[in-house]
Every structure is written in structure tokens, then in C-alpha cells.
Amino acid sequence: MKEERKISIKKEYEILKSIGFDKYGELFLVSGKEKDTDQNKLYIMEKIEVKSEEIRNEIENKINILKNGEFKYVVKIYEIYFDSENDKFFGFIIMDYYSKGNLYKVMLESNYLNKRTIWRIFIQLIQALNSLSKNDIFIKYFSPRNIYLDDNNNIKLGGDIIFIFKDTNLLKQDENINSYIAPEIIYNLPYSKDKCCVWPLGCILYELIFKKRAIEFDEERNVIKNLFEIYDDYDDEFKTILHKMICKESNRLALNEIIFEGIVKRKVIEINMFDEVLKNKIICKYN
């Protein structure tokens, strides 16, 4: 490991409490203490054990891109520190805190999400993925657990989507995660980056509508179980787009095609997001 400047997380941030774990490390609620931080603001600090120089470099590169770029509907990253603790090496990532929690919590606590809210979340997710894709940040999976809501009820994509490493075996340790990973990645087949990130987008849209998973992964048998079911009398607009997202890769929409689907374009206008989408320059590949 390269030598680090000596810093103290405890000096710059006050650790208020542990708030759980994600796939890669422990999460803490912290507040700023030093003059360079907002002392009235709360942050999330993620503590990740860094076991190799390769992993450290990959984390650092992605964090620097996220910290210095402008990303629509993506969790803001403020800083990353590396330090040793009890003969182990850790990365400490400081990011925004969202008091409303994640989308998984919202779905559990809400008996009903209206169609306008669902379309708004869906279109914001498309913009989040697009802003990352334009900066060559490729997401193999995301789930309702790492989609957060800010005080204005806008979504923020974050959490462990940032730390997807080259070793795809890391993706096979959690059936909750595998339920949102495209089959071609699960089975180590060739895949399109622009299409495999559409799979979890479709799974989340299905879950927002029906409050149940579209896909479950049988870890013991290494089999994907298709729970995808839409009743004939259900909303044709949702049915049409879902069938183009949760399907074989050859039939699946690519990320840069979704926003130009007739149904989605109409919804962008209906919920007054046209100017916003236009401003973010989501470009159709056929232009």
C-alpha cells in the first residue's frame, strides 16, 4: 500500500452511531467537526477493508470521478481517506446522508405508490444511469436498497453500486443482489453494458408497481426463477415497457433507447420533466 498523509477521521468527523452494513463494509452516521466541514450537516461514512492495491486503486479512481463530476440523481461523494486500523487497511468514504432512507424502506412502508410517482422515480433512475454511463462508470447491478430519497422526494443512486470490481464472482455471494443482475452476467456470458443495466431497472419498475420481485435467484441450484407476471387487464403502458426490459438480452432495450420509447417520452412530458431531460443531453444513438 502507498504511504498516506496522516489523517484522523475522528478528528474531522464525529461518529454518531453505526447504522448497519452493506455488501462491502460498515456504515456510520457522522457529523462534521472541523471548520472545513459543515458542522450542522450529517453524512454517511462507509468503512471498507481494502485488501489489495488493485482494489484500492479502483475505489480511488471511481471516487475521484464521482467527487469531481456532475451526476444527476447520484449520491454525492465528498472525500475518501485511507488509513490503518488494527493491522488492517481501510478506506473511509464520506457521502451524503438521506434521512428518508432507501427505496426498499419506502416500498415496505407505503401501501400504494401512485403511477405518477412511479414514472418519476423510473425516469430519474434512467437519468442517473445515463449520467454515470457518459463518464464510463458501468453498473452491473443496483437494487431498491441503494436508491435513496432526498428531502424533495428525488431519488439518489448510491451505496455499493460504486464498488463493483472486476471479479464477477463477488456478485455471486448474495441472492438478494443476484435477483437484480442480468442473466448474462450471472452465467458468465458475453454481455452488452448498455443492456445489462436495463435489467435491474426493469426489475425495480416491476417491484414499484406490484410490490413483489420480478426475479428470484436460487443460490443453491444457481438458477434464476422468473416470477414475472402481468395480468391481462393491467395498465398497457407499464406492460409494454416492462416486456422490453425484463427479457432476453437480444430483445432488451439499451439504456440510450429507453427514454425515446413513445410511452416514456409521453410520461416525461406529462410529469413536467421534459426540460430537465433535454438539459441533461440524453442522446439517442440513432441521431
Protein backbone atom coordinates (compact mmCIF):
# COMPACT_ATOMS: atom_id res chain seq x y z
CA MET A 1 0.00 0.00 0.00
CA LYS A 2 1.24 3.50 -0.78
CA GLU A 3 2.10 5.77 2.11
CA GLU A 4 -0.72 8.08 3.22
CA ARG A 5 -0.80 11.50 4.77
CA LYS A 6 -1.71 11.10 8.41
CA ILE A 7 -5.35 11.98 8.99
CA SER A 8 -7.84 11.19 11.68
CA ILE A 9 -11.44 10.52 10.76
CA LYS A 10 -12.33 11.05 14.42
CA LYS A 11 -10.71 14.48 14.31
CA GLU A 12 -12.57 15.68 11.21
CA TYR A 13 -15.90 13.90 11.78
CA GLU A 14 -17.81 12.91 14.86
CA ILE A 15 -19.07 9.34 14.62
CA LEU A 16 -22.62 9.38 15.96
CA LYS A 17 -23.60 5.75 15.54
CA SER A 18 -23.32 2.65 13.38
CA ILE A 19 -26.33 2.35 11.07
CA GLY A 20 -25.67 -1.05 9.53
CA PHE A 21 -23.74 -2.77 6.79
CA ASP A 22 -23.87 -3.06 3.04
CA LYS A 23 -22.08 -5.68 0.94
CA TYR A 24 -18.66 -4.09 1.33
CA GLY A 25 -18.46 -2.55 4.77
CA GLU A 26 -19.94 -0.88 7.81
CA LEU A 27 -21.96 2.33 7.56
CA PHE A 28 -21.81 5.12 10.14
CA LEU A 29 -23.80 8.31 10.68
CA VAL A 30 -21.29 11.15 11.22
CA SER A 31 -21.26 14.92 11.51
CA GLY A 32 -18.55 17.43 10.60
CA LYS A 33 -16.28 18.77 13.34
CA GLU A 34 -13.59 20.77 11.56
CA LYS A 35 -14.02 24.24 10.02
CA ASP A 36 -13.67 22.73 6.53
CA THR A 37 -16.84 20.71 7.00
CA ASP A 38 -20.43 21.77 7.58
CA GLN A 39 -20.77 21.21 11.32
CA ASN A 40 -24.57 21.11 11.15
CA LYS A 41 -24.72 18.56 8.36
CA LEU A 42 -24.98 14.80 8.69
CA TYR A 43 -23.04 12.43 6.46
CA ILE A 44 -22.73 8.73 5.85
CA MET A 45 -19.29 7.25 6.31
CA GLU A 46 -18.62 3.85 4.79
CA LYS A 47 -15.68 1.88 6.17
CA ILE A 48 -14.34 -0.67 3.68
CA GLU A 49 -11.44 -3.05 4.21
CA VAL A 50 -9.01 -2.71 1.31
CA LYS A 51 -7.20 -6.00 0.78
CA SER A 52 -5.11 -5.22 -2.29
CA GLU A 53 -3.55 -2.35 -4.21
CA GLU A 54 -5.79 -3.18 -7.18
CA ILE A 55 -8.97 -2.78 -5.13
CA ARG A 56 -7.66 0.40 -3.53
CA ASN A 57 -6.86 1.91 -6.94
CA GLU A 58 -10.26 1.00 -8.34
CA ILE A 59 -12.10 2.54 -5.37
CA GLU A 60 -9.96 5.65 -5.52
CA ASN A 61 -10.42 6.13 -9.27
CA LYS A 62 -14.21 5.79 -9.09
CA ILE A 63 -14.49 8.02 -6.04
CA ASN A 64 -12.42 10.75 -7.71
CA ILE A 65 -14.64 10.63 -10.80
CA LEU A 66 -17.79 10.80 -8.68
CA LYS A 67 -16.40 13.51 -6.41
CA ASN A 68 -15.32 15.80 -9.23
CA GLY A 69 -18.08 15.22 -11.79
CA GLU A 70 -21.67 16.35 -12.03
CA PHE A 71 -24.05 13.42 -11.80
CA LYS A 72 -27.80 13.78 -11.89
CA TYR A 73 -29.62 11.77 -9.20
CA VAL A 74 -26.44 10.14 -7.86
CA VAL A 75 -25.32 10.25 -4.21
CA LYS A 76 -22.72 12.98 -3.72
CA ILE A 77 -19.29 11.81 -2.59
CA TYR A 78 -17.23 14.33 -0.60
CA GLU A 79 -13.99 12.62 0.30
CA ILE A 80 -12.15 9.35 0.70
CA TYR A 81 -9.43 8.65 3.24
CA PHE A 82 -7.22 5.60 3.66
CA ASP A 83 -5.75 4.58 6.99
CA SER A 84 -4.61 1.57 9.00
CA GLU A 85 -6.53 0.22 11.95
CA ASN A 86 -5.59 -2.88 13.99
CA ASP A 87 -3.11 -4.03 11.34
CA LYS A 88 -5.72 -3.78 8.59
CA PHE A 89 -6.06 -1.18 5.85
CA PHE A 90 -9.37 0.65 5.33
CA GLY A 91 -10.95 3.19 3.06
CA PHE A 92 -13.34 5.71 4.63
CA ILE A 93 -15.80 7.23 2.16
CA ILE A 94 -17.77 10.32 3.17
CA MET A 95 -21.07 10.80 1.32
CA ASP A 96 -24.46 12.43 1.62
CA TYR A 97 -26.98 11.24 4.20
CA TYR A 98 -30.67 10.91 3.30
CA SER A 99 -33.00 10.90 6.28
CA LYS A 100 -35.91 9.36 4.37
CA GLY A 101 -33.93 6.19 3.86
CA ASN A 102 -33.86 3.96 0.82
CA LEU A 103 -36.48 2.96 -1.70
CA TYR A 104 -36.77 -0.50 -0.15
CA LYS A 105 -37.90 1.08 3.12
CA VAL A 106 -40.33 3.38 1.30
CA MET A 107 -41.89 0.44 -0.57
CA LEU A 108 -42.26 -1.53 2.67
CA GLU A 109 -43.96 1.36 4.44
CA SER A 110 -46.17 2.55 1.55
CA ASN A 111 -49.31 0.62 0.79
CA TYR A 112 -49.62 2.41 -2.52
CA LEU A 113 -47.44 4.45 -4.86
CA ASN A 114 -49.38 6.32 -7.50
CA LYS A 115 -48.48 5.99 -11.16
CA ARG A 116 -47.08 9.49 -11.43
CA THR A 117 -44.66 8.82 -8.55
CA ILE A 118 -43.59 5.51 -10.10
CA TRP A 119 -42.93 7.10 -13.50
CA ARG A 120 -41.00 9.93 -11.84
CA ILE A 121 -38.74 7.51 -9.94
CA PHE A 122 -38.24 5.45 -13.12
CA ILE A 123 -37.26 8.46 -15.27
CA GLN A 124 -34.92 9.79 -12.58
CA LEU A 125 -33.20 6.39 -12.46
CA ILE A 126 -32.72 6.49 -16.23
CA GLN A 127 -31.05 9.89 -15.87
CA ALA A 128 -28.83 8.65 -13.02
CA LEU A 129 -27.65 5.68 -15.08
CA ASN A 130 -27.12 7.85 -18.13
CA SER A 131 -25.01 10.40 -16.24
CA LEU A 132 -22.77 7.59 -14.93
CA SER A 133 -22.58 5.90 -18.33
CA LYS A 134 -21.43 9.12 -20.00
CA ASN A 135 -18.47 9.06 -17.59
CA ASP A 136 -17.69 5.39 -18.30
CA ILE A 137 -18.97 4.22 -14.92
CA PHE A 138 -20.69 0.94 -15.62
CA ILE A 139 -23.15 -0.53 -13.12
CA LYS A 140 -23.70 -4.27 -13.13
CA TYR A 141 -26.49 -4.14 -10.58
CA PHE A 142 -28.48 -1.89 -8.30
CA SER A 143 -31.50 -2.53 -6.13
CA PRO A 144 -34.08 -0.62 -4.05
CA ARG A 145 -31.69 -0.88 -1.10
CA ASN A 146 -29.17 1.51 -2.67
CA ILE A 147 -31.63 4.03 -4.09
CA TYR A 148 -32.22 6.83 -1.59
CA LEU A 149 -34.72 9.68 -1.35
CA ASP A 150 -33.77 13.25 -0.58
CA ASP A 151 -35.92 15.86 1.19
CA ASN A 152 -37.59 16.78 -2.11
CA ASN A 153 -38.52 13.16 -2.84
CA ASN A 154 -35.96 12.91 -5.63
CA ILE A 155 -34.05 9.65 -5.87
CA LYS A 156 -30.29 9.34 -5.38
CA LEU A 157 -28.50 6.27 -6.69
CA GLY A 158 -25.60 5.29 -4.47
CA GLY A 159 -24.32 2.83 -1.94
CA ASP A 160 -22.39 -0.23 -3.06
CA ILE A 161 -23.06 0.34 -6.78
CA ILE A 162 -19.86 2.38 -6.60
CA PHE A 163 -17.71 -0.55 -5.61
CA ILE A 164 -18.29 -3.18 -8.29
CA PHE A 165 -14.93 -4.75 -9.01
CA LYS A 166 -13.66 -6.71 -11.99
CA ASP A 167 -14.13 -10.09 -10.32
CA THR A 168 -17.71 -11.08 -11.16
CA ASN A 169 -17.53 -13.84 -8.52
CA LEU A 170 -18.12 -11.07 -5.98
CA LEU A 171 -21.61 -10.84 -7.41
CA LYS A 172 -22.48 -14.43 -6.59
CA GLN A 173 -22.47 -14.23 -2.81
CA ASP A 174 -25.87 -12.70 -2.17
CA GLU A 175 -29.15 -13.88 -3.65
CA ASN A 176 -30.74 -10.52 -2.87
CA ILE A 177 -28.21 -8.88 -5.17
CA ASN A 178 -28.39 -11.60 -7.82
CA SER A 179 -32.12 -11.01 -8.18
CA TYR A 180 -31.19 -7.72 -9.86
CA ILE A 181 -28.27 -8.89 -12.04
CA ALA A 182 -28.84 -9.63 -15.72
CA PRO A 183 -28.77 -13.39 -16.53
CA GLU A 184 -25.92 -12.98 -18.99
CA ILE A 185 -23.67 -11.74 -16.18
CA ILE A 186 -24.83 -14.42 -13.72
CA TYR A 187 -23.95 -17.15 -16.21
CA ASN A 188 -20.70 -15.53 -17.40
CA LEU A 189 -21.93 -14.98 -20.96
CA PRO A 190 -20.91 -12.12 -23.26
CA TYR A 191 -22.97 -9.05 -22.45
CA SER A 192 -23.69 -5.50 -23.53
CA LYS A 193 -23.04 -2.86 -20.88
CA ASP A 194 -25.88 -0.75 -22.25
CA LYS A 195 -28.36 -3.62 -21.93
CA CYS A 196 -27.40 -5.42 -18.72
CA CYS A 197 -28.00 -2.26 -16.61
CA VAL A 198 -31.53 -2.12 -18.05
CA TRP A 199 -32.39 -5.48 -16.42
CA PRO A 200 -32.31 -4.16 -12.80
CA LEU A 201 -34.10 -1.01 -13.97
CA GLY A 202 -36.96 -3.20 -15.22
CA CYS A 203 -36.93 -5.32 -12.05
CA ILE A 204 -37.25 -2.21 -9.88
CA LEU A 205 -40.06 -0.78 -12.02
CA TYR A 206 -41.92 -4.10 -11.66
CA GLU A 207 -41.37 -4.06 -7.89
CA LEU A 208 -42.61 -0.48 -7.58
CA ILE A 209 -45.82 -1.45 -9.37
CA PHE A 210 -46.57 -4.88 -7.89
CA LYS A 211 -44.68 -4.73 -4.55
CA LYS A 212 -43.03 -8.08 -5.24
CA ARG A 213 -39.93 -9.21 -7.06
CA ALA A 214 -39.92 -9.99 -10.74
CA ILE A 215 -36.97 -12.38 -10.36
CA GLU A 216 -35.55 -14.51 -7.57
CA PHE A 217 -32.21 -16.27 -7.62
CA ASP A 218 -31.91 -19.83 -6.29
CA GLU A 219 -28.35 -19.71 -4.96
CA GLU A 220 -28.19 -23.41 -4.12
CA ARG A 221 -29.13 -24.51 -7.65
CA ASN A 222 -27.64 -21.44 -9.39
CA VAL A 223 -30.94 -20.92 -11.18
CA ILE A 224 -32.88 -17.75 -11.96
CA LYS A 225 -36.57 -18.13 -11.08
CA ASN A 226 -38.84 -15.97 -13.20
CA LEU A 227 -41.71 -14.58 -11.10
CA PHE A 228 -42.57 -12.05 -13.78
CA GLU A 229 -46.33 -11.95 -14.21
CA ILE A 230 -48.55 -9.16 -15.50
CA TYR A 231 -52.30 -9.60 -15.57
CA ASP A 232 -54.03 -9.03 -18.90
CA ASP A 233 -56.16 -6.21 -17.52
CA TYR A 234 -53.19 -4.27 -16.11
CA ASP A 235 -52.02 -0.90 -17.42
CA ASP A 236 -50.82 -1.35 -21.03
CA GLU A 237 -48.23 1.41 -20.67
CA PHE A 238 -46.39 -0.39 -17.88
CA LYS A 239 -46.81 -3.78 -19.58
CA THR A 240 -45.25 -2.58 -22.81
CA ILE A 241 -42.11 -1.12 -21.28
CA LEU A 242 -41.62 -3.97 -18.78
CA HIS A 243 -41.68 -6.59 -21.54
CA LYS A 244 -38.89 -4.70 -23.30
CA MET A 245 -36.68 -4.60 -20.21
CA ILE A 246 -37.07 -7.93 -18.38
CA CYS A 247 -36.35 -10.20 -21.31
CA LYS A 248 -33.55 -11.89 -23.22
CA GLU A 249 -30.68 -9.54 -24.00
CA SER A 250 -31.29 -9.78 -27.75
CA ASN A 251 -34.81 -8.35 -27.26
CA ARG A 252 -33.95 -5.91 -24.48
CA LEU A 253 -33.81 -2.14 -24.87
CA ALA A 254 -30.42 -0.49 -24.39
CA LEU A 255 -30.08 2.32 -21.85
CA ASN A 256 -29.86 5.03 -24.52
CA GLU A 257 -33.06 3.76 -26.17
CA ILE A 258 -35.46 3.76 -23.20
CA ILE A 259 -36.04 7.50 -22.93
CA PHE A 260 -37.02 7.58 -26.61
CA GLU A 261 -39.68 4.91 -26.28
CA GLY A 262 -43.03 6.53 -27.16
CA ILE A 263 -44.60 5.66 -23.80
CA VAL A 264 -41.66 7.03 -21.79
CA LYS A 265 -41.44 10.21 -23.89
CA ARG A 266 -45.11 10.90 -23.19
CA LYS A 267 -44.59 10.42 -19.44
CA VAL A 268 -41.57 12.73 -19.44
CA ILE A 269 -43.84 15.45 -20.81
CA GLU A 270 -46.82 14.59 -18.57
CA ILE A 271 -44.82 14.89 -15.34
CA ASN A 272 -43.04 18.05 -16.48
CA MET A 273 -39.54 16.58 -16.81
CA PHE A 274 -39.02 17.39 -20.50
CA ASP A 275 -36.75 20.42 -19.95
CA GLU A 276 -34.74 18.53 -17.36
CA VAL A 277 -34.19 15.51 -19.63
CA LEU A 278 -33.27 17.81 -22.52
CA LYS A 279 -30.83 19.75 -20.35
CA ASN A 280 -29.05 16.54 -19.37
CA LYS A 281 -28.49 15.74 -23.04
CA ILE A 282 -29.63 12.16 -23.14
CA ILE A 283 -28.64 11.37 -26.71
CA CYS A 284 -30.39 8.82 -28.90
CA LYS A 285 -27.91 6.51 -30.64
CA TYR A 286 -29.85 6.84 -33.89
CA ASN A 287 -29.14 10.61 -34.14
